[in-house]
Amino acid sequence: MANAIISNDDATSQNYIQKAAYWYNKWKNEYEDEFNYIRSTDIIEGHAEYIGVLSNFTSDAITKDDIIKTVYPDAILKTLGTDSYSLGFISLTLLDKYNPNFKNTFFETKKSPIELLLDGVTEIEDTIDNKLVDELKKQLDSLNDQVKIQIENIITSLDDKNIPYLKIDPEYIVGSIALSGFFSYNKNDIYAEFSANYEQDSSNTLNVDNLSILSKDGFDIIPLTEEFEIKDDIIILKSDKLKGTLKITTSTEDGRTVYTSK
């Protein structure tokens, strides 16, 4: 796709787009759940990236050379969602070249930038770039090793029901949150290296600092792998990563002790 922008020959550019259609259709058909999961992100972030990049130019007369400086054909995007930005910008830039009227009805179509660009495009079968595959595997292995360390507390807790869970209503969050990534592990949604402040009331607050948590059924779920204390209906947490108090109820779910914020 980036090469389609860089090329000075329209026929070559179209060839790149048709090859992109081949890979796009293959992904859409073989990984339908993944395609549907990220589609809204492709629309929102892809469009925002397009507007954002263009707004950085100081001149009204944006040249092709200006655009080329913003695209990276050899970039490897290792996690689902990070590609939504670049893919959106590149797709809408190509649409601006071949079908500039797309702006009039973009949101009405409810299609992502890449969907809109490849709509009606006849795909051309492409061959696998083994060098790219090897490099991608290398980077993914490295990423997975890092993520495994980041979510080790989650993996341990899923395998050990003796570890209690603390379930908190995310509506208690005040201010902003931070996390290093969002991952799925054995159908469990995980916020890696999550940080946030929860305020249940003026007397009970909790600070979570750089700790991976689960997100399920409308709750933020924290494995209690460090020491804590229960006093009456209050849980008291004193570790560096988990500090504060919350009013809770106690229950057992699937053989595990669960403390749920009131």
Protein backbone atom coordinates (compact mmCIF):
# COMPACT_ATOMS: atom_id res chain seq x y z
CA MET A 1 0.00 0.00 0.00
CA ALA A 2 2.78 2.41 0.87
CA ASN A 3 4.54 1.42 -2.34
CA ALA A 4 1.39 2.39 -4.24
CA ILE A 5 1.83 5.93 -2.93
CA ILE A 6 5.55 6.06 -3.63
CA SER A 7 5.39 4.72 -7.19
CA ASN A 8 5.49 7.25 -10.03
CA ASP A 9 3.62 4.93 -12.37
CA ASP A 10 -0.16 4.59 -12.08
CA ALA A 11 -0.19 1.05 -13.47
CA THR A 12 2.38 -0.02 -10.88
CA SER A 13 0.42 1.70 -8.12
CA GLN A 14 -2.76 -0.10 -9.17
CA ASN A 15 -0.87 -3.40 -9.19
CA TYR A 16 0.20 -2.83 -5.59
CA ILE A 17 -3.40 -2.02 -4.64
CA GLN A 18 -4.67 -5.20 -6.33
CA LYS A 19 -2.08 -7.27 -4.46
CA ALA A 20 -3.15 -5.56 -1.25
CA ALA A 21 -6.72 -6.63 -2.06
CA TYR A 22 -5.54 -10.24 -2.25
CA TRP A 23 -4.04 -10.13 1.27
CA TYR A 24 -6.93 -8.12 2.62
CA ASN A 25 -9.53 -10.58 1.35
CA LYS A 26 -7.48 -13.50 2.63
CA TRP A 27 -7.33 -11.95 6.10
CA LYS A 28 -11.03 -11.03 6.06
CA ASN A 29 -12.12 -14.53 5.03
CA GLU A 30 -9.75 -16.56 7.18
CA TYR A 31 -9.80 -14.41 10.32
CA GLU A 32 -13.34 -13.08 10.35
CA ASP A 33 -13.51 -12.56 14.13
CA GLU A 34 -10.30 -10.55 14.11
CA PHE A 35 -11.50 -8.52 11.13
CA ASN A 36 -14.79 -7.61 12.82
CA TYR A 37 -13.10 -6.92 16.16
CA ILE A 38 -10.77 -4.25 14.79
CA ARG A 39 -13.09 -2.76 12.17
CA SER A 40 -14.39 0.13 14.29
CA THR A 41 -10.82 1.03 15.28
CA ASP A 42 -9.85 1.04 11.59
CA ILE A 43 -12.63 3.53 10.88
CA ILE A 44 -12.13 5.88 13.83
CA GLU A 45 -8.36 5.88 14.18
CA GLY A 46 -7.65 5.55 10.47
CA HIS A 47 -9.67 8.65 9.69
CA ALA A 48 -8.20 10.54 12.65
CA GLU A 49 -4.66 9.68 11.55
CA TYR A 50 -5.37 10.94 8.03
CA ILE A 51 -6.65 14.27 9.35
CA GLY A 52 -3.86 14.49 11.91
CA VAL A 53 -1.01 13.92 9.44
CA LEU A 54 -2.42 16.39 6.93
CA SER A 55 -2.90 19.03 9.63
CA ASN A 56 0.82 18.85 10.42
CA PHE A 57 1.70 20.30 7.03
CA THR A 58 2.20 24.07 7.10
CA SER A 59 1.49 24.63 3.42
CA ASP A 60 -1.87 24.36 1.68
CA ALA A 61 -0.09 22.94 -1.37
CA ILE A 62 0.87 19.47 -0.15
CA THR A 63 3.15 17.70 -2.63
CA LYS A 64 3.67 14.02 -3.29
CA ASP A 65 7.16 14.32 -1.82
CA ASP A 66 5.60 15.64 1.39
CA ILE A 67 3.32 12.60 1.59
CA ILE A 68 6.11 10.14 0.79
CA LYS A 69 8.04 11.35 3.83
CA THR A 70 5.19 10.17 6.05
CA VAL A 71 4.94 6.55 4.83
CA TYR A 72 7.23 3.62 5.61
CA PRO A 73 6.93 0.63 3.24
CA ASP A 74 9.18 -1.58 5.37
CA ALA A 75 7.38 -0.93 8.66
CA ILE A 76 6.34 -4.02 10.62
CA LEU A 77 3.32 -3.52 12.86
CA LYS A 78 3.25 -6.30 15.42
CA THR A 79 -0.05 -5.84 17.25
CA LEU A 80 -3.62 -5.63 16.02
CA GLY A 81 -4.78 -2.01 16.18
CA THR A 82 -1.44 -0.30 15.66
CA ASP A 83 -1.92 -0.83 11.93
CA SER A 84 -5.26 1.02 11.98
CA TYR A 85 -3.46 4.37 12.01
CA SER A 86 -1.02 3.89 9.13
CA LEU A 87 -3.45 1.79 7.12
CA GLY A 88 -6.10 4.46 7.42
CA PHE A 89 -3.77 7.26 6.37
CA ILE A 90 -2.39 5.35 3.40
CA SER A 91 -5.82 4.16 2.24
CA LEU A 92 -7.40 7.61 2.42
CA THR A 93 -4.38 9.19 0.73
CA LEU A 94 -4.80 6.78 -2.18
CA LEU A 95 -8.53 7.44 -2.26
CA ASP A 96 -7.76 11.15 -2.38
CA LYS A 97 -5.78 10.46 -5.52
CA TYR A 98 -8.14 8.08 -7.32
CA ASN A 99 -11.53 9.01 -5.89
CA PRO A 100 -11.34 12.39 -4.11
CA ASN A 101 -15.12 12.60 -3.73
CA PHE A 102 -14.99 9.89 -1.04
CA LYS A 103 -14.96 12.68 1.57
CA ASN A 104 -18.55 13.60 0.83
CA THR A 105 -19.98 10.27 2.03
CA PHE A 106 -17.18 8.64 4.06
CA PHE A 107 -19.09 8.27 7.33
CA GLU A 108 -22.34 7.37 5.60
CA THR A 109 -20.71 4.30 4.02
CA LYS A 110 -19.76 2.94 7.48
CA LYS A 111 -16.72 1.38 5.84
CA SER A 112 -13.14 1.48 7.02
CA PRO A 113 -10.61 3.33 4.85
CA ILE A 114 -9.15 0.08 3.52
CA GLU A 115 -12.62 -1.31 2.78
CA LEU A 116 -13.52 1.82 0.85
CA LEU A 117 -10.28 1.82 -1.12
CA LEU A 118 -10.51 -1.84 -2.11
CA ASP A 119 -14.24 -1.83 -2.81
CA GLY A 120 -14.61 -3.22 -6.35
CA VAL A 121 -10.87 -3.80 -6.80
CA THR A 122 -9.97 -7.04 -8.59
CA GLU A 123 -7.37 -8.82 -6.52
CA ILE A 124 -4.12 -10.16 -7.94
CA GLU A 125 -2.63 -13.15 -6.14
CA ASP A 126 0.63 -12.29 -4.45
CA THR A 127 3.46 -14.49 -3.20
CA ILE A 128 4.77 -14.63 0.34
CA ASP A 129 7.89 -12.62 1.07
CA ASN A 130 9.86 -15.16 3.11
CA LYS A 131 12.33 -12.54 4.29
CA LEU A 132 9.45 -10.48 5.67
CA VAL A 133 7.89 -13.56 7.28
CA ASP A 134 11.15 -14.44 9.02
CA GLU A 135 11.59 -10.89 10.30
CA LEU A 136 7.99 -10.73 11.48
CA LYS A 137 8.31 -14.05 13.34
CA LYS A 138 11.49 -12.81 14.96
CA GLN A 139 9.84 -9.61 16.16
CA LEU A 140 6.68 -11.39 17.29
CA ASP A 141 8.70 -13.90 19.31
CA SER A 142 10.45 -11.01 21.01
CA LEU A 143 7.14 -9.24 21.64
CA ASN A 144 5.54 -12.39 23.05
CA ASP A 145 8.47 -12.87 25.43
CA GLN A 146 7.98 -9.31 26.71
CA VAL A 147 4.21 -9.69 27.04
CA LYS A 148 4.57 -12.98 28.91
CA ILE A 149 6.56 -11.16 31.57
CA GLN A 150 4.06 -8.29 31.68
CA ILE A 151 1.03 -10.55 32.21
CA GLU A 152 2.71 -13.25 34.32
CA ASN A 153 0.47 -12.40 37.29
CA ILE A 154 -2.61 -13.02 35.13
CA ILE A 155 -1.39 -16.35 33.76
CA THR A 156 -0.47 -17.51 37.26
CA SER A 157 -3.88 -16.57 38.66
CA LEU A 158 -5.81 -18.27 35.86
CA ASP A 159 -3.99 -21.50 36.67
CA ASP A 160 -4.38 -21.17 40.46
CA LYS A 161 -7.85 -20.70 41.97
CA ASN A 162 -6.28 -20.21 45.40
CA ILE A 163 -5.44 -16.68 44.26
CA PRO A 164 -8.41 -14.42 45.11
CA TYR A 165 -9.78 -11.86 42.69
CA LEU A 166 -10.72 -8.27 43.44
CA LYS A 167 -13.53 -7.08 41.14
CA ILE A 168 -13.95 -3.32 40.82
CA ASP A 169 -16.56 -1.29 38.99
CA PRO A 170 -14.58 0.78 36.44
CA GLU A 171 -17.00 3.66 37.03
CA TYR A 172 -15.01 4.34 40.21
CA ILE A 173 -12.01 5.41 38.08
CA VAL A 174 -11.09 9.07 38.44
CA GLY A 175 -8.75 10.80 36.01
CA SER A 176 -6.96 9.02 33.21
CA ILE A 177 -5.70 5.46 32.89
CA ALA A 178 -2.45 4.10 31.47
CA LEU A 179 -1.51 0.71 30.06
CA SER A 180 1.20 -0.76 27.86
CA GLY A 181 -1.16 -2.84 25.75
CA PHE A 182 -4.40 -4.76 25.40
CA PHE A 183 -4.15 -8.51 24.90
CA SER A 184 -6.32 -11.61 24.70
CA TYR A 185 -5.10 -14.82 26.34
CA ASN A 186 -7.26 -17.97 26.19
CA LYS A 187 -10.31 -15.74 25.58
CA ASN A 188 -9.45 -13.51 28.55
CA ASP A 189 -9.14 -9.76 27.95
CA ILE A 190 -6.06 -8.31 29.63
CA TYR A 191 -4.91 -4.74 30.26
CA ALA A 192 -1.12 -5.02 30.54
CA GLU A 193 0.78 -2.85 33.02
CA PHE A 194 -2.38 -0.99 33.94
CA SER A 195 -2.44 2.14 36.12
CA ALA A 196 -5.49 3.96 37.49
CA ASN A 197 -7.01 5.56 40.56
CA TYR A 198 -10.36 4.34 41.88
CA GLU A 199 -12.49 6.42 44.24
CA GLN A 200 -15.35 4.52 45.84
CA ASP A 201 -16.10 7.32 48.31
CA SER A 202 -14.18 9.95 50.24
CA SER A 203 -12.79 7.34 52.64
CA ASN A 204 -12.06 4.44 50.27
CA THR A 205 -9.75 4.83 47.31
CA LEU A 206 -7.36 2.51 45.49
CA ASN A 207 -4.26 3.21 43.44
CA VAL A 208 -3.22 0.60 40.87
CA ASP A 209 0.29 1.21 39.59
CA ASN A 210 1.68 -0.69 36.61
CA LEU A 211 -0.17 -3.94 37.30
CA SER A 212 -1.78 -6.17 34.68
CA ILE A 213 -5.49 -6.82 35.20
CA LEU A 214 -8.40 -8.68 33.61
CA SER A 215 -11.50 -7.07 32.14
CA LYS A 216 -14.64 -9.20 32.20
CA ASP A 217 -18.41 -8.78 32.54
CA GLY A 218 -18.13 -5.06 33.16
CA PHE A 219 -15.55 -5.35 35.95
CA ASP A 220 -11.85 -4.65 36.29
CA ILE A 221 -10.46 -7.82 37.90
CA ILE A 222 -7.21 -7.78 39.87
CA PRO A 223 -5.49 -11.00 40.98
CA LEU A 224 -4.46 -10.58 44.61
CA THR A 225 -1.01 -12.11 44.46
CA GLU A 226 0.40 -9.89 47.23
CA GLU A 227 -0.54 -9.57 50.89
CA PHE A 228 -3.82 -7.90 51.84
CA GLU A 229 -6.09 -7.65 54.87
CA ILE A 230 -9.85 -7.90 55.30
CA LYS A 231 -11.32 -5.91 58.19
CA ASP A 232 -15.10 -6.06 58.52
CA ASP A 233 -16.24 -5.30 54.95
CA ILE A 234 -13.10 -3.38 53.99
CA ILE A 235 -10.16 -4.76 51.99
CA ILE A 236 -6.84 -3.13 52.84
CA LEU A 237 -4.01 -3.24 50.29
CA LYS A 238 -0.53 -1.94 51.07
CA SER A 239 1.79 -3.02 48.25
CA ASP A 240 3.59 -0.66 45.90
CA LYS A 241 1.45 -1.70 42.94
CA LEU A 242 -1.84 -1.90 44.84
CA LYS A 243 -2.47 0.55 47.64
CA GLY A 244 -5.68 1.68 49.34
CA THR A 245 -8.99 0.46 50.71
CA LEU A 246 -12.37 -0.52 49.27
CA LYS A 247 -15.69 -1.65 50.71
CA ILE A 248 -16.34 -5.15 49.40
CA THR A 249 -18.61 -8.16 49.49
CA THR A 250 -17.14 -11.66 49.58
CA SER A 251 -18.29 -14.58 47.47
CA THR A 252 -17.04 -17.76 45.84
CA GLU A 253 -17.10 -18.07 42.07
CA ASP A 254 -16.07 -21.29 40.35
CA GLY A 255 -14.05 -22.34 43.39
CA ARG A 256 -12.27 -18.98 43.77
CA THR A 257 -12.70 -16.37 46.51
CA VAL A 258 -13.86 -13.10 44.95
CA TYR A 259 -14.01 -9.69 46.62
CA THR A 260 -16.35 -7.34 44.78
CA SER A 261 -16.49 -3.59 45.31
CA LYS A 262 -19.85 -2.45 46.72
